Amino acid sequence: MGFARIVCTLGLAAAVTASPGCTIFRDAGAPKPPFNEDADLNSLLKNYDQAASLDSFFSPSTEDAKLTPEARRNKFITARLVLINIRYLQFVRSETADRQALDSATDILSLSLNLAGAAVGSATTKTILAAIAAGVTGSRAIIERDYYYEKTVPALVAQMNVSRKQALIPILQGIGQTIDQYSIANALDDLNTYYCAGTFTGAINAIQANAATTDASVSEQIADLTKIPQSVIDFKKKVLAWVNANRNEATKLNDVKAALAELGDTTSTATMDIGAATTELHRWILINVTTQDQLTKAQKALSDNHIEL
């Protein structure tokens, strides 16, 4: 199931680009940086490419063979996280200039670099990774871009950032578990979920799922607010029973007309016989009595006019 999940449909991602004619300010009003951030990111990709390969776990090098299964698994996980996060940051930079989206993507890349630093054994490697992580964090202000276009892409990226953070949680939890508790298969499945969370398709799916959940919650609240109390339902049943029993009792006509007047029914009752008057009483109560307060007033109007249910 994990491998199937990685085959996400990415056609939409290729179709959604910046609007034609938008002016792009590459360095956001800053001097051209003294380094090439794309080259640095590509250097990172090459550095982690081998460690992120499944061969590094199943056919480890002589040095890696000395590591525990958990350490080899974590080295693979953190390396692949770095690769996914680099690709994601490059993708986001190509699609949006939204600062919050870029900041979030950069923060996650820095986190994965720091995790990778903790997963490798060489002190020199850790120092290099720490420097690169600091460089990535520091480059945020330089890589910002400013232009106007539809808000669709920033909204999708915002959802992707949230979904990726959610998908990262089980991976971080798994890193702290034994290999029996969190196998390489589990890790692959979670990594694929994490990758798919950073796609436009994944974002749209998440938005739709969130909308469905919100709709159900709001619908439930509306139902609770518009729910007719059981006491009102019981009252209407009693009124119907009384009307059926008294629709031919002409002696009740004046009482029914008086009750209708007290209830505020504006329908003219001057020419009504008992059948029409009782039908109107039932109709008015059926439509207008839905709350406890309305029930209390209706009960009083009937009681005041000698209509005992």
Protein backbone atom coordinates (compact mmCIF):
# COMPACT_ATOMS: atom_id res chain seq x y z
CA MET A 1 0.00 0.00 0.00
CA GLY A 2 2.90 2.35 0.80
CA PHE A 3 4.45 2.13 -2.69
CA ALA A 4 1.09 2.76 -4.33
CA ARG A 5 0.63 5.89 -2.29
CA ILE A 6 3.72 7.51 -3.78
CA VAL A 7 2.20 7.34 -7.26
CA CYS A 8 0.20 10.52 -6.62
CA THR A 9 -1.24 12.37 -9.58
CA LEU A 10 1.03 15.36 -10.14
CA GLY A 11 -0.39 16.66 -13.42
CA LEU A 12 -2.20 19.46 -11.60
CA ALA A 13 1.07 20.65 -10.09
CA ALA A 14 2.53 21.13 -13.56
CA ALA A 15 -0.55 22.99 -14.72
CA VAL A 16 -0.70 25.53 -11.87
CA THR A 17 1.93 28.24 -12.40
CA ALA A 18 2.30 31.95 -11.83
CA SER A 19 0.00 34.13 -13.89
CA PRO A 20 1.46 35.36 -17.22
CA GLY A 21 2.67 38.93 -17.14
CA CYS A 22 3.48 39.00 -13.42
CA THR A 23 6.67 40.84 -12.54
CA ILE A 24 9.02 38.71 -10.46
CA PHE A 25 11.45 40.39 -8.09
CA ARG A 26 13.97 37.60 -7.67
CA ASP A 27 15.84 38.89 -4.62
CA ALA A 28 13.07 40.98 -3.00
CA GLY A 29 14.99 44.27 -3.16
CA ALA A 30 18.21 42.78 -1.75
CA PRO A 31 21.64 42.57 -3.43
CA LYS A 32 22.27 39.39 -5.36
CA PRO A 33 23.37 36.76 -2.78
CA PRO A 34 27.08 35.86 -2.71
CA PHE A 35 26.15 32.19 -3.06
CA ASN A 36 23.93 30.09 -5.27
CA GLU A 37 21.17 28.63 -3.12
CA ASP A 38 20.06 26.27 -5.89
CA ALA A 39 23.60 24.91 -6.15
CA ASP A 40 23.72 24.45 -2.38
CA LEU A 41 20.42 22.57 -2.40
CA ASN A 42 21.60 20.38 -5.27
CA SER A 43 24.80 19.67 -3.34
CA LEU A 44 22.65 18.50 -0.47
CA LEU A 45 20.70 16.26 -2.83
CA LYS A 46 23.89 14.56 -3.99
CA ASN A 47 25.15 14.22 -0.41
CA TYR A 48 22.01 12.41 0.73
CA ASP A 49 21.21 10.47 -2.42
CA GLN A 50 23.07 7.30 -1.38
CA ALA A 51 21.92 7.39 2.26
CA ALA A 52 18.30 7.72 1.10
CA SER A 53 18.55 4.59 -1.02
CA LEU A 54 17.01 1.38 0.28
CA ASP A 55 20.33 -0.32 -0.50
CA SER A 56 21.88 1.64 2.36
CA PHE A 57 19.59 -0.28 4.73
CA PHE A 58 19.48 -3.73 3.18
CA SER A 59 23.07 -3.77 1.82
CA PRO A 60 24.94 -1.42 4.16
CA SER A 61 28.52 -0.33 3.69
CA THR A 62 31.21 -1.75 5.97
CA GLU A 63 30.92 1.28 8.22
CA ASP A 64 27.10 1.26 8.31
CA ALA A 65 27.06 -2.49 9.00
CA LYS A 66 28.47 -1.69 12.43
CA LEU A 67 25.33 0.32 13.25
CA THR A 68 22.30 -1.15 14.99
CA PRO A 69 19.24 -1.85 12.80
CA GLU A 70 17.51 1.11 14.44
CA ALA A 71 20.44 3.43 13.62
CA ARG A 72 20.53 2.27 9.97
CA ARG A 73 16.78 2.71 9.69
CA ASN A 74 16.95 6.21 11.18
CA LYS A 75 19.82 7.17 8.87
CA PHE A 76 17.71 6.10 5.90
CA ILE A 77 14.59 7.89 7.19
CA THR A 78 16.33 11.19 7.92
CA ALA A 79 18.20 11.16 4.61
CA ARG A 80 15.01 10.59 2.67
CA LEU A 81 13.26 13.29 4.69
CA VAL A 82 15.99 15.73 3.69
CA LEU A 83 15.59 14.83 0.00
CA ILE A 84 11.80 15.15 0.12
CA ASN A 85 12.06 18.49 1.93
CA ILE A 86 14.64 19.89 -0.50
CA ARG A 87 12.44 18.96 -3.46
CA TYR A 88 9.43 20.42 -1.69
CA LEU A 89 11.20 23.72 -0.95
CA GLN A 90 12.31 23.97 -4.59
CA PHE A 91 8.75 23.22 -5.70
CA VAL A 92 7.22 25.83 -3.37
CA ARG A 93 9.77 28.46 -4.44
CA SER A 94 8.81 27.87 -8.07
CA GLU A 95 5.08 28.23 -7.40
CA THR A 96 4.61 30.94 -4.79
CA ALA A 97 6.23 34.00 -3.25
CA ASP A 98 4.12 33.80 -0.10
CA ARG A 99 6.45 34.42 2.85
CA GLN A 100 4.60 32.27 5.35
CA ALA A 101 4.60 29.31 2.94
CA LEU A 102 8.32 29.69 2.26
CA ASP A 103 9.13 30.08 5.95
CA SER A 104 7.23 26.93 6.85
CA ALA A 105 8.89 24.89 4.10
CA THR A 106 12.33 26.17 5.12
CA ASP A 107 11.71 25.41 8.79
CA ILE A 108 10.82 21.80 8.00
CA LEU A 109 13.93 21.40 5.83
CA SER A 110 16.08 22.78 8.66
CA LEU A 111 14.45 20.34 11.08
CA SER A 112 15.18 17.38 8.81
CA LEU A 113 18.79 18.50 8.35
CA ASN A 114 19.22 18.69 12.11
CA LEU A 115 17.66 15.22 12.49
CA ALA A 116 20.06 13.89 9.88
CA GLY A 117 22.94 15.41 11.80
CA ALA A 118 21.89 13.48 14.88
CA ALA A 119 21.57 10.26 12.86
CA VAL A 120 25.12 10.21 11.43
CA GLY A 121 28.21 9.34 13.36
CA SER A 122 30.93 11.60 11.99
CA ALA A 123 31.56 14.78 13.99
CA THR A 124 32.81 16.48 10.82
CA THR A 125 29.65 15.55 8.93
CA LYS A 126 27.49 16.87 11.78
CA THR A 127 29.37 20.18 11.72
CA ILE A 128 28.91 20.54 7.95
CA LEU A 129 25.21 19.71 8.19
CA ALA A 130 24.73 22.20 11.01
CA ALA A 131 26.34 24.91 8.88
CA ILE A 132 24.16 24.04 5.89
CA ALA A 133 21.05 24.08 8.08
CA ALA A 134 21.99 27.53 9.35
CA GLY A 135 22.56 28.69 5.78
CA VAL A 136 19.17 27.46 4.62
CA THR A 137 17.47 29.24 7.51
CA GLY A 138 19.38 32.45 6.87
CA SER A 139 18.54 32.53 3.15
CA ARG A 140 14.81 32.99 3.66
CA ALA A 141 14.81 36.77 3.32
CA ILE A 142 16.88 36.54 0.15
CA ILE A 143 14.78 34.04 -1.76
CA GLU A 144 11.48 35.87 -1.18
CA ARG A 145 9.69 37.10 -4.30
CA ASP A 146 6.95 39.65 -4.65
CA TYR A 147 4.22 39.56 -7.31
CA TYR A 148 0.43 39.62 -7.63
CA TYR A 149 -1.58 36.66 -8.85
CA GLU A 150 -4.51 34.49 -7.86
CA LYS A 151 -4.47 33.19 -4.29
CA THR A 152 -5.07 29.60 -5.31
CA VAL A 153 -1.47 28.44 -5.11
CA PRO A 154 -0.72 30.08 -1.71
CA ALA A 155 -3.87 28.48 -0.30
CA LEU A 156 -2.83 25.05 -1.59
CA VAL A 157 0.70 25.49 -0.27
CA ALA A 158 -0.65 26.49 3.14
CA GLN A 159 -2.66 23.26 3.23
CA MET A 160 0.36 21.24 2.07
CA ASN A 161 2.46 22.69 4.89
CA VAL A 162 -0.15 21.68 7.46
CA SER A 163 -0.59 18.20 5.95
CA ARG A 164 3.18 17.62 5.85
CA LYS A 165 3.51 18.52 9.53
CA GLN A 166 0.71 16.09 10.36
CA ALA A 167 2.37 13.35 8.27
CA LEU A 168 5.74 14.03 9.92
CA ILE A 169 4.48 13.14 13.41
CA PRO A 170 4.32 9.32 12.98
CA ILE A 171 7.80 9.40 11.40
CA LEU A 172 9.28 11.26 14.36
CA GLN A 173 7.51 8.88 16.72
CA GLY A 174 8.84 5.87 14.78
CA ILE A 175 12.44 7.07 14.94
CA GLY A 176 12.36 6.58 18.69
CA GLN A 177 11.04 3.01 18.51
CA THR A 178 12.77 -0.34 18.00
CA ILE A 179 13.02 -1.91 14.56
CA ASP A 180 10.36 -4.46 15.57
CA GLN A 181 7.97 -1.68 16.59
CA TYR A 182 8.69 0.51 13.56
CA SER A 183 9.94 -1.51 10.62
CA ILE A 184 11.47 -0.22 7.40
CA ALA A 185 8.15 -1.01 5.70
CA ASN A 186 6.33 1.23 8.18
CA ALA A 187 8.88 3.94 7.57
CA LEU A 188 8.47 3.70 3.79
CA ASP A 189 4.71 3.93 4.08
CA ASP A 190 4.92 7.01 6.30
CA LEU A 191 7.56 8.62 4.07
CA ASN A 192 5.33 8.12 1.04
CA THR A 193 2.42 9.67 2.91
CA TYR A 194 4.69 12.58 3.82
CA TYR A 195 5.72 12.99 0.17
CA CYS A 196 2.12 12.93 -1.10
CA ALA A 197 1.12 15.52 1.52
CA GLY A 198 3.39 17.94 -0.35
CA THR A 199 1.52 17.75 -3.65
CA PHE A 200 -1.32 19.84 -5.03
CA THR A 201 -3.43 16.70 -5.34
CA GLY A 202 -2.79 15.85 -1.70
CA ALA A 203 -3.68 19.41 -0.68
CA ILE A 204 -6.95 19.32 -2.62
CA ASN A 205 -7.83 15.95 -1.08
CA ALA A 206 -7.10 17.33 2.39
CA ILE A 207 -9.17 20.44 1.76
CA GLN A 208 -12.08 18.32 0.55
CA ALA A 209 -11.78 16.02 3.57
CA ASN A 210 -11.63 19.00 5.93
CA ALA A 211 -14.63 20.56 4.22
CA ALA A 212 -16.61 17.33 4.60
CA THR A 213 -15.69 17.12 8.29
CA THR A 214 -16.56 20.77 8.87
CA ASP A 215 -19.82 20.38 6.98
CA ALA A 216 -20.81 17.42 9.15
CA SER A 217 -19.92 19.31 12.32
CA VAL A 218 -21.78 22.47 11.30
CA SER A 219 -24.78 20.46 10.13
CA GLU A 220 -24.88 18.76 13.52
CA GLN A 221 -24.78 22.12 15.28
CA ILE A 222 -27.58 23.45 13.08
CA ALA A 223 -29.62 20.32 13.76
CA ASP A 224 -29.12 20.78 17.51
CA LEU A 225 -30.12 24.43 17.32
CA THR A 226 -33.19 23.73 15.19
CA LYS A 227 -34.21 20.53 16.93
CA ILE A 228 -37.80 20.65 18.18
CA PRO A 229 -37.98 19.73 21.88
CA GLN A 230 -39.78 16.51 22.69
CA SER A 231 -42.20 18.44 24.91
CA VAL A 232 -43.30 20.48 21.87
CA ILE A 233 -43.79 17.32 19.81
CA ASP A 234 -45.89 15.78 22.60
CA PHE A 235 -47.95 18.98 22.90
CA LYS A 236 -48.75 18.99 19.16
CA LYS A 237 -49.87 15.36 19.37
CA LYS A 238 -52.24 16.26 22.21
CA VAL A 239 -53.60 19.24 20.25
CA LEU A 240 -54.27 16.97 17.26
CA ALA A 241 -56.01 14.46 19.48
CA TRP A 242 -58.16 17.23 21.04
CA VAL A 243 -59.04 18.65 17.61
CA ASN A 244 -60.10 15.23 16.32
CA ALA A 245 -62.25 14.70 19.39
CA ASN A 246 -63.91 18.15 19.32
CA ARG A 247 -64.18 19.15 15.66
CA ASN A 248 -67.95 18.60 15.83
CA GLU A 249 -68.50 20.12 19.31
CA ALA A 250 -70.21 23.43 18.42
CA THR A 251 -70.17 24.48 22.08
CA LYS A 252 -66.35 24.80 21.85
CA LEU A 253 -66.45 27.25 18.92
CA ASN A 254 -66.14 30.47 20.96
CA ASP A 255 -63.36 28.97 23.10
CA VAL A 256 -61.37 28.00 20.00
CA LYS A 257 -61.83 31.45 18.41
CA ALA A 258 -60.74 33.14 21.63
CA ALA A 259 -57.68 30.89 21.86
CA LEU A 260 -56.76 31.74 18.27
CA ALA A 261 -57.04 35.46 19.03
CA GLU A 262 -54.82 35.11 22.12
CA LEU A 263 -52.29 33.13 20.13
CA GLY A 264 -52.11 35.99 17.61
CA ASP A 265 -53.64 34.20 14.64
CA THR A 266 -54.62 36.91 12.15
CA THR A 267 -56.89 34.68 10.09
CA SER A 268 -60.51 35.89 10.20
CA THR A 269 -62.66 33.51 12.24
CA ALA A 270 -65.96 35.38 11.93
CA THR A 271 -67.52 32.92 9.49
CA MET A 272 -65.78 29.75 10.74
CA ASP A 273 -67.74 26.82 12.08
CA ILE A 274 -66.25 24.51 14.72
CA GLY A 275 -64.67 22.25 12.10
CA ALA A 276 -62.84 25.11 10.38
CA ALA A 277 -61.86 26.74 13.68
CA THR A 278 -60.33 23.56 15.16
CA THR A 279 -58.48 22.90 11.87
CA GLU A 280 -57.08 26.44 11.99
CA LEU A 281 -56.04 25.97 15.63
CA HIS A 282 -54.12 22.82 14.75
CA ARG A 283 -52.52 24.47 11.70
CA TRP A 284 -51.35 27.52 13.64
CA ILE A 285 -49.83 25.50 16.48
CA LEU A 286 -48.20 23.05 14.09
CA ILE A 287 -46.41 25.88 12.24
CA ASN A 288 -45.70 28.42 14.98
CA VAL A 289 -44.87 26.40 18.10
CA THR A 290 -41.29 25.10 17.85
CA THR A 291 -39.54 26.28 21.03
CA GLN A 292 -40.10 25.90 24.76
CA ASP A 293 -41.10 29.56 25.11
CA GLN A 294 -43.66 29.28 22.31
CA LEU A 295 -44.97 26.10 23.93
CA THR A 296 -45.51 27.87 27.25
CA LYS A 297 -47.45 30.70 25.57
CA ALA A 298 -49.58 28.26 23.56
CA GLN A 299 -50.40 26.19 26.63
CA LYS A 300 -51.48 29.37 28.45
CA ALA A 301 -53.69 30.49 25.55
CA LEU A 302 -55.48 27.13 25.48
CA SER A 303 -55.81 26.95 29.25
CA ASP A 304 -57.16 30.51 29.46
CA ASN A 305 -59.91 29.52 27.05
CA HIS A 306 -60.97 26.25 28.67
CA ILE A 307 -59.22 23.96 26.18
CA GLU A 308 -57.84 21.13 28.29
CA LEU A 309 -55.66 18.63 26.46
